[in-house]
Structures are given as structure tokens and as C-alpha cells.
Amino acid sequence: AMEAPSFGSPSVGLASKDAVVLVAVRRQTTPLSSFQDKLFEVDKHIGICISGIYADAYKMLRLLRDECTEYTYVYDTPHPVGPLVAKLAEDAQARTQFWG
């Protein structure tokens, strides 16, 4: 856990009234590894940038995608961003409350 920040690389997000831009620097964690993508589409209207330990971030990405898919299937409309972020925060917080 103490080394997790060293696996990350810079990412920047900019928002305006009409657009959002996500920019990320890709780097190799070791000389023999390949570059890992950092920018992902969660849904047609939501994108994320991941950093740190790739496996942990990818699990969160799968959670977000599953939530969006289920919401769209049930309500036939795109998932609102605010409740989706709240769900992600709730899931991340729950992991700090339990052990074993």
C-alpha cells in the first residue's frame, strides 16, 4: 500500500460548459511491461481516468459499468452521474469498514 502512489502517473481533467477533456500520461511500470490504458468509457456519457494499482481501479470500473448497464436496462435512460459517484464512494467506504 505504501508503494501504490509510485505506480501512478499524472492525469488532468478539464471541464467547461460544453466539453470535458481527460488527459493522462501512460508509462511502463517495469521495462518489460506494456503500457496500460488509463482512460476508459464507463457509459456513453461518462468516462474515467484511473491511476495507482491497476487491478483495484479496474474493479471499480467494472462496478461502474455494471451499475450503468443495470440502470439503463431498468429505466431506459442513461445513469445520472451524481448517484453513480455516490455508489462508487459507498462501495469504496464499505471496504474500510470490514476485514477478514
PDB file of N, CA and C in Angstrom:
ATOM      1  N   ALA A   1       0.822  -1.193   0.000  1.00  0.00           N
ATOM      2  CA  ALA A   1       0.000   0.000   0.000  1.00  0.00           C
ATOM      3  C   ALA A   1       0.869   1.260   0.000  1.00  0.00           C
ATOM      4  N   MET A   2       2.016   1.188   0.613  1.00  0.00           N
ATOM      5  CA  MET A   2       2.873   2.370   0.668  1.00  0.00           C
ATOM      6  C   MET A   2       3.473   2.691  -0.706  1.00  0.00           C
ATOM      7  N   GLU A   3       3.586   1.683  -1.577  1.00  0.00           N
ATOM      8  CA  GLU A   3       4.170   1.913  -2.894  1.00  0.00           C
ATOM      9  C   GLU A   3       3.135   2.283  -3.943  1.00  0.00           C
ATOM     10  N   ALA A   4       1.859   2.228  -3.622  1.00  0.00           N
ATOM     11  CA  ALA A   4       0.793   2.474  -4.604  1.00  0.00           C
ATOM     12  C   ALA A   4       0.954   3.807  -5.330  1.00  0.00           C
ATOM     13  N   PRO A   5       1.281   4.904  -4.636  1.00  0.00           N
ATOM     14  CA  PRO A   5       1.422   6.174  -5.365  1.00  0.00           C
ATOM     15  C   PRO A   5       2.531   6.159  -6.418  1.00  0.00           C
ATOM     16  N   SER A   6       3.547   5.327  -6.227  1.00  0.00           N
ATOM     17  CA  SER A   6       4.639   5.294  -7.198  1.00  0.00           C
ATOM     18  C   SER A   6       4.228   4.633  -8.509  1.00  0.00           C
ATOM     19  N   PHE A   7       3.133   3.875  -8.514  1.00  0.00           N
ATOM     20  CA  PHE A   7       2.658   3.246  -9.742  1.00  0.00           C
ATOM     21  C   PHE A   7       1.825   4.202 -10.587  1.00  0.00           C
ATOM     22  N   GLY A   8       1.436   5.326 -10.039  1.00  0.00           N
ATOM     23  CA  GLY A   8       0.589   6.275 -10.757  1.00  0.00           C
ATOM     24  C   GLY A   8       1.395   7.195 -11.646  1.00  0.00           C
ATOM     25  N   SER A   9       0.689   7.908 -12.496  1.00  0.00           N
ATOM     26  CA  SER A   9       1.299   8.926 -13.343  1.00  0.00           C
ATOM     27  C   SER A   9       0.294  10.061 -13.483  1.00  0.00           C
ATOM     28  N   PRO A  10       0.737  11.218 -13.927  1.00  0.00           N
ATOM     29  CA  PRO A  10      -0.142  12.391 -13.939  1.00  0.00           C
ATOM     30  C   PRO A  10      -1.384  12.229 -14.819  1.00  0.00           C
ATOM     31  N   SER A  11      -2.472  12.790 -14.334  1.00  0.00           N
ATOM     32  CA  SER A  11      -3.739  12.838 -15.069  1.00  0.00           C
ATOM     33  C   SER A  11      -4.376  14.195 -14.811  1.00  0.00           C
ATOM     34  N   VAL A  12      -5.042  14.729 -15.827  1.00  0.00           N
ATOM     35  CA  VAL A  12      -5.694  16.027 -15.687  1.00  0.00           C
ATOM     36  C   VAL A  12      -7.073  15.946 -16.321  1.00  0.00           C
ATOM     37  N   GLY A  13      -8.047  16.544 -15.653  1.00  0.00           N
ATOM     38  CA  GLY A  13      -9.388  16.657 -16.208  1.00  0.00           C
ATOM     39  C   GLY A  13      -9.800  18.118 -16.249  1.00  0.00           C
ATOM     40  N   LEU A  14     -10.321  18.552 -17.373  1.00  0.00           N
ATOM     41  CA  LEU A  14     -10.781  19.929 -17.538  1.00  0.00           C
ATOM     42  C   LEU A  14     -12.238  19.910 -17.983  1.00  0.00           C
ATOM     43  N   ALA A  15     -13.032  20.806 -17.415  1.00  0.00           N
ATOM     44  CA  ALA A  15     -14.450  20.875 -17.783  1.00  0.00           C
ATOM     45  C   ALA A  15     -14.829  22.309 -18.117  1.00  0.00           C
ATOM     46  N   SER A  16     -15.677  22.449 -19.117  1.00  0.00           N
ATOM     47  CA  SER A  16     -16.253  23.746 -19.471  1.00  0.00           C
ATOM     48  C   SER A  16     -17.755  23.555 -19.622  1.00  0.00           C
ATOM     49  N   LYS A  17     -18.439  24.574 -20.074  1.00  0.00           N
ATOM     50  CA  LYS A  17     -19.887  24.459 -20.257  1.00  0.00           C
ATOM     51  C   LYS A  17     -20.248  23.424 -21.312  1.00  0.00           C
ATOM     52  N   ASP A  18     -19.414  23.327 -22.340  1.00  0.00           N
ATOM     53  CA  ASP A  18     -19.750  22.498 -23.493  1.00  0.00           C
ATOM     54  C   ASP A  18     -18.951  21.211 -23.628  1.00  0.00           C
ATOM     55  N   ALA A  19     -17.860  21.071 -22.892  1.00  0.00           N
ATOM     56  CA  ALA A  19     -16.990  19.920 -23.126  1.00  0.00           C
ATOM     57  C   ALA A  19     -16.223  19.528 -21.870  1.00  0.00           C
ATOM     58  N   VAL A  20     -15.712  18.312 -21.907  1.00  0.00           N
ATOM     59  CA  VAL A  20     -14.834  17.793 -20.859  1.00  0.00           C
ATOM     60  C   VAL A  20     -13.643  17.152 -21.550  1.00  0.00           C
ATOM     61  N   VAL A  21     -12.454  17.368 -21.000  1.00  0.00           N
ATOM     62  CA  VAL A  21     -11.240  16.780 -21.557  1.00  0.00           C
ATOM     63  C   VAL A  21     -10.518  16.034 -20.442  1.00  0.00           C
ATOM     64  N   LEU A  22     -10.167  14.780 -20.705  1.00  0.00           N
ATOM     65  CA  LEU A  22      -9.338  13.991 -19.799  1.00  0.00           C
ATOM     66  C   LEU A  22      -8.027  13.694 -20.510  1.00  0.00           C
ATOM     67  N   VAL A  23      -6.906  13.957 -19.842  1.00  0.00           N
ATOM     68  CA  VAL A  23      -5.582  13.712 -20.404  1.00  0.00           C
ATOM     69  C   VAL A  23      -4.788  12.916 -19.380  1.00  0.00           C
ATOM     70  N   ALA A  24      -4.085  11.890 -19.855  1.00  0.00           N
ATOM     71  CA  ALA A  24      -3.305  11.058 -18.945  1.00  0.00           C
ATOM     72  C   ALA A  24      -1.989  10.668 -19.598  1.00  0.00           C
ATOM     73  N   VAL A  25      -0.951  10.568 -18.797  1.00  0.00           N
ATOM     74  CA  VAL A  25       0.359  10.119 -19.256  1.00  0.00           C
ATOM     75  C   VAL A  25       0.437   8.612 -19.026  1.00  0.00           C
ATOM     76  N   ARG A  26       0.705   7.885 -20.095  1.00  0.00           N
ATOM     77  CA  ARG A  26       0.872   6.436 -19.964  1.00  0.00           C
ATOM     78  C   ARG A  26       2.353   6.152 -19.746  1.00  0.00           C
ATOM     79  N   ARG A  27       2.634   5.215 -18.850  1.00  0.00           N
ATOM     80  CA  ARG A  27       4.026   4.836 -18.647  1.00  0.00           C
ATOM     81  C   ARG A  27       4.103   3.356 -18.328  1.00  0.00           C
ATOM     82  N   GLN A  28       5.294   2.806 -18.480  1.00  0.00           N
ATOM     83  CA  GLN A  28       5.517   1.408 -18.152  1.00  0.00           C
ATOM     84  C   GLN A  28       5.912   1.315 -16.689  1.00  0.00           C
ATOM     85  N   THR A  29       5.334   0.340 -15.961  1.00  0.00           N
ATOM     86  CA  THR A  29       5.719   0.176 -14.558  1.00  0.00           C
ATOM     87  C   THR A  29       7.065  -0.524 -14.443  1.00  0.00           C
ATOM     88  N   THR A  30       7.394  -1.380 -15.412  1.00  0.00           N
ATOM     89  CA  THR A  30       8.706  -2.027 -15.477  1.00  0.00           C
ATOM     90  C   THR A  30       9.155  -2.016 -16.937  1.00  0.00           C
ATOM     91  N   PRO A  31      10.435  -2.169 -17.194  1.00  0.00           N
ATOM     92  CA  PRO A  31      10.914  -2.134 -18.584  1.00  0.00           C
ATOM     93  C   PRO A  31      10.307  -3.226 -19.473  1.00  0.00           C
ATOM     94  N   LEU A  32       9.909  -4.354 -18.897  1.00  0.00           N
ATOM     95  CA  LEU A  32       9.374  -5.453 -19.695  1.00  0.00           C
ATOM     96  C   LEU A  32       7.856  -5.419 -19.835  1.00  0.00           C
ATOM     97  N   SER A  33       7.201  -4.543 -19.121  1.00  0.00           N
ATOM     98  CA  SER A  33       5.736  -4.493 -19.201  1.00  0.00           C
ATOM     99  C   SER A  33       5.283  -3.580 -20.336  1.00  0.00           C
ATOM    100  N   SER A  34       4.044  -3.764 -20.737  1.00  0.00           N
ATOM    101  CA  SER A  34       3.490  -2.901 -21.782  1.00  0.00           C
ATOM    102  C   SER A  34       2.801  -1.705 -21.134  1.00  0.00           C
ATOM    103  N   PHE A  35       2.481  -0.729 -21.956  1.00  0.00           N
ATOM    104  CA  PHE A  35       1.752   0.433 -21.466  1.00  0.00           C
ATOM    105  C   PHE A  35       0.327   0.022 -21.121  1.00  0.00           C
ATOM    106  N   GLN A  36      -0.191   0.560 -20.034  1.00  0.00           N
ATOM    107  CA  GLN A  36      -1.567   0.274 -19.634  1.00  0.00           C
ATOM    108  C   GLN A  36      -2.430   1.494 -19.910  1.00  0.00           C
ATOM    109  N   ASP A  37      -3.615   1.248 -20.460  1.00  0.00           N
ATOM    110  CA  ASP A  37      -4.546   2.347 -20.696  1.00  0.00           C
ATOM    111  C   ASP A  37      -4.997   2.940 -19.374  1.00  0.00           C
ATOM    112  N   LYS A  38      -5.244   4.232 -19.372  1.00  0.00           N
ATOM    113  CA  LYS A  38      -5.692   4.920 -18.162  1.00  0.00           C
ATOM    114  C   LYS A  38      -7.059   5.549 -18.330  1.00  0.00           C
ATOM    115  N   LEU A  39      -7.480   5.784 -19.563  1.00  0.00           N
ATOM    116  CA  LEU A  39      -8.771   6.416 -19.832  1.00  0.00           C
ATOM    117  C   LEU A  39      -9.754   5.363 -20.323  1.00  0.00           C
ATOM    118  N   PHE A  40     -10.937   5.344 -19.699  1.00  0.00           N
ATOM    119  CA  PHE A  40     -11.936   4.339 -20.039  1.00  0.00           C
ATOM    120  C   PHE A  40     -13.313   4.966 -20.153  1.00  0.00           C
ATOM    121  N   GLU A  41     -14.123   4.395 -21.005  1.00  0.00           N
ATOM    122  CA  GLU A  41     -15.522   4.793 -21.129  1.00  0.00           C
ATOM    123  C   GLU A  41     -16.343   3.915 -20.193  1.00  0.00           C
ATOM    124  N   VAL A  42     -17.056   4.542 -19.265  1.00  0.00           N
ATOM    125  CA  VAL A  42     -17.955   3.817 -18.371  1.00  0.00           C
ATOM    126  C   VAL A  42     -19.284   3.612 -19.077  1.00  0.00           C
ATOM    127  N   ASP A  43     -19.818   4.665 -19.640  1.00  0.00           N
ATOM    128  CA  ASP A  43     -21.055   4.650 -20.409  1.00  0.00           C
ATOM    129  C   ASP A  43     -20.885   5.697 -21.510  1.00  0.00           C
ATOM    130  N   LYS A  44     -21.859   5.854 -22.366  1.00  0.00           N
ATOM    131  CA  LYS A  44     -21.710   6.789 -23.485  1.00  0.00           C
ATOM    132  C   LYS A  44     -21.499   8.228 -23.035  1.00  0.00           C
ATOM    133  N   HIS A  45     -21.912   8.552 -21.823  1.00  0.00           N
ATOM    134  CA  HIS A  45     -21.802   9.930 -21.335  1.00  0.00           C
ATOM    135  C   HIS A  45     -20.873  10.067 -20.131  1.00  0.00           C
ATOM    136  N   ILE A  46     -20.168   8.987 -19.763  1.00  0.00           N
ATOM    137  CA  ILE A  46     -19.295   9.012 -18.584  1.00  0.00           C
ATOM    138  C   ILE A  46     -17.962   8.353 -18.929  1.00  0.00           C
ATOM    139  N   GLY A  47     -16.868   9.021 -18.583  1.00  0.00           N
ATOM    140  CA  GLY A  47     -15.536   8.464 -18.742  1.00  0.00           C
ATOM    141  C   GLY A  47     -14.755   8.632 -17.455  1.00  0.00           C
ATOM    142  N   ILE A  48     -13.756   7.792 -17.253  1.00  0.00           N
ATOM    143  CA  ILE A  48     -12.921   7.911 -16.058  1.00  0.00           C
ATOM    144  C   ILE A  48     -11.449   7.771 -16.439  1.00  0.00           C
ATOM    145  N   CYS A  49     -10.619   8.251 -15.547  1.00  0.00           N
ATOM    146  CA  CYS A  49      -9.180   8.093 -15.652  1.00  0.00           C
ATOM    147  C   CYS A  49      -8.727   7.364 -14.396  1.00  0.00           C
ATOM    148  N   ILE A  50      -7.961   6.297 -14.564  1.00  0.00           N
ATOM    149  CA  ILE A  50      -7.520   5.537 -13.401  1.00  0.00           C
ATOM    150  C   ILE A  50      -6.034   5.756 -13.174  1.00  0.00           C
ATOM    151  N   SER A  51      -5.623   5.591 -11.925  1.00  0.00           N
ATOM    152  CA  SER A  51      -4.234   5.750 -11.552  1.00  0.00           C
ATOM    153  C   SER A  51      -3.960   4.868 -10.348  1.00  0.00           C
ATOM    154  N   GLY A  52      -2.708   4.561 -10.108  1.00  0.00           N
ATOM    155  CA  GLY A  52      -2.377   3.727  -8.964  1.00  0.00           C
ATOM    156  C   GLY A  52      -2.339   2.262  -9.352  1.00  0.00           C
ATOM    157  N   ILE A  53      -2.792   1.397  -8.461  1.00  0.00           N
ATOM    158  CA  ILE A  53      -2.784  -0.040  -8.718  1.00  0.00           C
ATOM    159  C   ILE A  53      -3.900  -0.367  -9.701  1.00  0.00           C
ATOM    160  N   TYR A  54      -3.520  -0.879 -10.842  1.00  0.00           N
ATOM    161  CA  TYR A  54      -4.428  -1.081 -11.962  1.00  0.00           C
ATOM    162  C   TYR A  54      -5.572  -2.035 -11.615  1.00  0.00           C
ATOM    163  N   ALA A  55      -5.289  -3.116 -10.910  1.00  0.00           N
ATOM    164  CA  ALA A  55      -6.325  -4.104 -10.589  1.00  0.00           C
ATOM    165  C   ALA A  55      -7.416  -3.501  -9.711  1.00  0.00           C
ATOM    166  N   ASP A  56      -7.053  -2.683  -8.751  1.00  0.00           N
ATOM    167  CA  ASP A  56      -8.044  -2.041  -7.882  1.00  0.00           C
ATOM    168  C   ASP A  56      -8.927  -1.090  -8.683  1.00  0.00           C
ATOM    169  N   ALA A  57      -8.307  -0.306  -9.539  1.00  0.00           N
ATOM    170  CA  ALA A  57      -9.064   0.650 -10.341  1.00  0.00           C
ATOM    171  C   ALA A  57      -9.965  -0.063 -11.344  1.00  0.00           C
ATOM    172  N   TYR A  58      -9.484  -1.160 -11.899  1.00  0.00           N
ATOM    173  CA  TYR A  58     -10.287  -1.887 -12.878  1.00  0.00           C
ATOM    174  C   TYR A  58     -11.514  -2.513 -12.228  1.00  0.00           C
ATOM    175  N   LYS A  59     -11.405  -2.915 -10.970  1.00  0.00           N
ATOM    176  CA  LYS A  59     -12.564  -3.438 -10.247  1.00  0.00           C
ATOM    177  C   LYS A  59     -13.622  -2.347 -10.092  1.00  0.00           C
ATOM    178  N   MET A  60     -13.182  -1.134  -9.781  1.00  0.00           N
ATOM    179  CA  MET A  60     -14.119  -0.008  -9.678  1.00  0.00           C
ATOM    180  C   MET A  60     -14.757   0.298 -11.032  1.00  0.00           C
ATOM    181  N   LEU A  61     -13.974   0.197 -12.099  1.00  0.00           N
ATOM    182  CA  LEU A  61     -14.511   0.412 -13.445  1.00  0.00           C
ATOM    183  C   LEU A  61     -15.607  -0.604 -13.755  1.00  0.00           C
ATOM    184  N   ARG A  62     -15.372  -1.868 -13.414  1.00  0.00           N
ATOM    185  CA  ARG A  62     -16.395  -2.899 -13.646  1.00  0.00           C
ATOM    186  C   ARG A  62     -17.657  -2.607 -12.852  1.00  0.00           C
ATOM    187  N   LEU A  63     -17.508  -2.148 -11.603  1.00  0.00           N
ATOM    188  CA  LEU A  63     -18.665  -1.797 -10.778  1.00  0.00           C
ATOM    189  C   LEU A  63     -19.471  -0.685 -11.447  1.00  0.00           C
ATOM    190  N   LEU A  64     -18.792   0.355 -11.914  1.00  0.00           N
ATOM    191  CA  LEU A  64     -19.473   1.474 -12.561  1.00  0.00           C
ATOM    192  C   LEU A  64     -20.183   1.037 -13.839  1.00  0.00           C
ATOM    193  N   ARG A  65     -19.521   0.224 -14.631  1.00  0.00           N
ATOM    194  CA  ARG A  65     -20.140  -0.247 -15.871  1.00  0.00           C
ATOM    195  C   ARG A  65     -21.370  -1.110 -15.587  1.00  0.00           C
ATOM    196  N   ASP A  66     -21.267  -1.976 -14.589  1.00  0.00           N
ATOM    197  CA  ASP A  66     -22.413  -2.818 -14.225  1.00  0.00           C
ATOM    198  C   ASP A  66     -23.583  -1.974 -13.751  1.00  0.00           C
ATOM    199  N   GLU A  67     -23.293  -0.965 -12.928  1.00  0.00           N
ATOM    200  CA  GLU A  67     -24.357  -0.076 -12.438  1.00  0.00           C
ATOM    201  C   GLU A  67     -25.037   0.654 -13.599  1.00  0.00           C
ATOM    202  N   CYS A  68     -24.245   1.162 -14.525  1.00  0.00           N
ATOM    203  CA  CYS A  68     -24.810   1.879 -15.680  1.00  0.00           C
ATOM    204  C   CYS A  68     -25.658   0.956 -16.544  1.00  0.00           C
ATOM    205  N   THR A  69     -25.172  -0.245 -16.777  1.00  0.00           N
ATOM    206  CA  THR A  69     -25.915  -1.201 -17.598  1.00  0.00           C
ATOM    207  C   THR A  69     -27.243  -1.554 -16.953  1.00  0.00           C
ATOM    208  N   GLU A  70     -27.213  -1.838 -15.655  1.00  0.00           N
ATOM    209  CA  GLU A  70     -28.444  -2.195 -14.945  1.00  0.00           C
ATOM    210  C   GLU A  70     -29.432  -1.029 -14.929  1.00  0.00           C
ATOM    211  N   TYR A  71     -28.946   0.168 -14.659  1.00  0.00           N
ATOM    212  CA  TYR A  71     -29.813   1.346 -14.608  1.00  0.00           C
ATOM    213  C   TYR A  71     -30.460   1.600 -15.972  1.00  0.00           C
ATOM    214  N   THR A  72     -29.670   1.519 -17.019  1.00  0.00           N
ATOM    215  CA  THR A  72     -30.198   1.748 -18.365  1.00  0.00           C
ATOM    216  C   THR A  72     -31.219   0.682 -18.738  1.00  0.00           C
ATOM    217  N   TYR A  73     -30.984  -0.554 -18.333  1.00  0.00           N
ATOM    218  CA  TYR A  73     -31.922  -1.639 -18.621  1.00  0.00           C
ATOM    219  C   TYR A  73     -33.252  -1.417 -17.902  1.00  0.00           C
ATOM    220  N   VAL A  74     -33.192  -1.022 -16.639  1.00  0.00           N
ATOM    221  CA  VAL A  74     -34.407  -0.853 -15.835  1.00  0.00           C
ATOM    222  C   VAL A  74     -35.170   0.410 -16.224  1.00  0.00           C
ATOM    223  N   TYR A  75     -34.470   1.541 -16.351  1.00  0.00           N
ATOM    224  CA  TYR A  75     -35.135   2.833 -16.544  1.00  0.00           C
ATOM    225  C   TYR A  75     -35.115   3.345 -17.989  1.00  0.00           C
ATOM    226  N   ASP A  76     -34.410   2.665 -18.869  1.00  0.00           N
ATOM    227  CA  ASP A  76     -34.301   3.040 -20.280  1.00  0.00           C
ATOM    228  C   ASP A  76     -33.832   4.490 -20.464  1.00  0.00           C
ATOM    229  N   THR A  77     -32.902   4.896 -19.627  1.00  0.00           N
ATOM    230  CA  THR A  77     -32.306   6.224 -19.703  1.00  0.00           C
ATOM    231  C   THR A  77     -30.884   6.132 -19.135  1.00  0.00           C
ATOM    232  N   PRO A  78     -29.969   6.991 -19.549  1.00  0.00           N
ATOM    233  CA  PRO A  78     -28.601   6.938 -19.011  1.00  0.00           C
ATOM    234  C   PRO A  78     -28.566   7.197 -17.505  1.00  0.00           C
ATOM    235  N   HIS A  79     -27.628   6.564 -16.846  1.00  0.00           N
ATOM    236  CA  HIS A  79     -27.468   6.712 -15.395  1.00  0.00           C
ATOM    237  C   HIS A  79     -26.994   8.131 -15.077  1.00  0.00           C
ATOM    238  N   PRO A  80     -27.639   8.825 -14.127  1.00  0.00           N
ATOM    239  CA  PRO A  80     -27.147  10.147 -13.712  1.00  0.00           C
ATOM    240  C   PRO A  80     -25.769  10.024 -13.044  1.00  0.00           C
ATOM    241  N   VAL A  81     -24.931  10.997 -13.254  1.00  0.00           N
ATOM    242  CA  VAL A  81     -23.561  10.935 -12.757  1.00  0.00           C
ATOM    243  C   VAL A  81     -23.502  11.002 -11.231  1.00  0.00           C
ATOM    244  N   GLY A  82     -24.257  11.908 -10.604  1.00  0.00           N
ATOM    245  CA  GLY A  82     -24.202  12.088  -9.152  1.00  0.00           C
ATOM    246  C   GLY A  82     -24.460  10.815  -8.366  1.00  0.00           C
ATOM    247  N   PRO A  83     -25.576  10.124  -8.589  1.00  0.00           N
ATOM    248  CA  PRO A  83     -25.826   8.875  -7.867  1.00  0.00           C
ATOM    249  C   PRO A  83     -24.791   7.788  -8.169  1.00  0.00           C
ATOM    250  N   LEU A  84     -24.235   7.801  -9.372  1.00  0.00           N
ATOM    251  CA  LEU A  84     -23.213   6.812  -9.712  1.00  0.00           C
ATOM    252  C   LEU A  84     -21.940   7.052  -8.898  1.00  0.00           C
ATOM    253  N   VAL A  85     -21.559   8.312  -8.757  1.00  0.00           N
ATOM    254  CA  VAL A  85     -20.386   8.658  -7.943  1.00  0.00           C
ATOM    255  C   VAL A  85     -20.643   8.301  -6.479  1.00  0.00           C
ATOM    256  N   ALA A  86     -21.858   8.547  -5.996  1.00  0.00           N
ATOM    257  CA  ALA A  86     -22.211   8.190  -4.620  1.00  0.00           C
ATOM    258  C   ALA A  86     -22.113   6.681  -4.411  1.00  0.00           C
ATOM    259  N   LYS A  87     -22.542   5.885  -5.389  1.00  0.00           N
ATOM    260  CA  LYS A  87     -22.456   4.426  -5.304  1.00  0.00           C
ATOM    261  C   LYS A  87     -21.005   3.985  -5.240  1.00  0.00           C
ATOM    262  N   LEU A  88     -20.152   4.592  -6.043  1.00  0.00           N
ATOM    263  CA  LEU A  88     -18.733   4.258  -6.027  1.00  0.00           C
ATOM    264  C   LEU A  88     -18.105   4.605  -4.680  1.00  0.00           C
ATOM    265  N   ALA A  89     -18.429   5.779  -4.145  1.00  0.00           N
ATOM    266  CA  ALA A  89     -17.902   6.188  -2.841  1.00  0.00           C
ATOM    267  C   ALA A  89     -18.386   5.254  -1.738  1.00  0.00           C
ATOM    268  N   GLU A  90     -19.647   4.847  -1.812  1.00  0.00           N
ATOM    269  CA  GLU A  90     -20.207   3.925  -0.819  1.00  0.00           C
ATOM    270  C   GLU A  90     -19.490   2.580  -0.876  1.00  0.00           C
ATOM    271  N   ASP A  91     -19.225   2.090  -2.067  1.00  0.00           N
ATOM    272  CA  ASP A  91     -18.527   0.817  -2.222  1.00  0.00           C
ATOM    273  C   ASP A  91     -17.097   0.913  -1.684  1.00  0.00           C
ATOM    274  N   ALA A  92     -16.410   2.002  -1.988  1.00  0.00           N
ATOM    275  CA  ALA A  92     -15.040   2.186  -1.503  1.00  0.00           C
ATOM    276  C   ALA A  92     -15.006   2.326   0.019  1.00  0.00           C
ATOM    277  N   GLN A  93     -15.964   3.038   0.583  1.00  0.00           N
ATOM    278  CA  GLN A  93     -16.026   3.218   2.034  1.00  0.00           C
ATOM    279  C   GLN A  93     -16.341   1.904   2.734  1.00  0.00           C
ATOM    280  N   ALA A  94     -17.212   1.094   2.153  1.00  0.00           N
ATOM    281  CA  ALA A  94     -17.586  -0.180   2.777  1.00  0.00           C
ATOM    282  C   ALA A  94     -16.368  -1.074   2.961  1.00  0.00           C
ATOM    283  N   ARG A  95     -15.417  -1.001   2.066  1.00  0.00           N
ATOM    284  CA  ARG A  95     -14.216  -1.839   2.165  1.00  0.00           C
ATOM    285  C   ARG A  95     -13.336  -1.446   3.351  1.00  0.00           C
ATOM    286  N   THR A  96     -13.487  -0.241   3.864  1.00  0.00           N
ATOM    287  CA  THR A  96     -12.699   0.168   5.026  1.00  0.00           C
ATOM    288  C   THR A  96     -13.374  -0.228   6.333  1.00  0.00           C
ATOM    289  N   GLN A  97     -14.621  -0.676   6.274  1.00  0.00           N
ATOM    290  CA  GLN A  97     -15.380  -0.988   7.484  1.00  0.00           C
ATOM    291  C   GLN A  97     -15.316  -2.459   7.880  1.00  0.00           C
ATOM    292  N   PHE A  98     -14.889  -3.318   6.986  1.00  0.00           N
ATOM    293  CA  PHE A  98     -14.892  -4.759   7.249  1.00  0.00           C
ATOM    294  C   PHE A  98     -13.508  -5.334   7.014  1.00  0.00           C
ATOM    295  N   TRP A  99     -13.248  -6.447   7.642  1.00  0.00           N
ATOM    296  CA  TRP A  99     -11.987  -7.135   7.439  1.00  0.00           C
ATOM    297  C   TRP A  99     -12.250  -8.624   7.528  1.00  0.00           C
ATOM    298  N   GLY A 100     -11.300  -9.387   7.070  1.00  0.00           N
ATOM    299  CA  GLY A 100     -11.430 -10.844   7.208  1.00  0.00           C
ATOM    300  C   GLY A 100     -11.462 -11.589   5.934  1.00  0.00           C
TER     301      GLY A 100
END
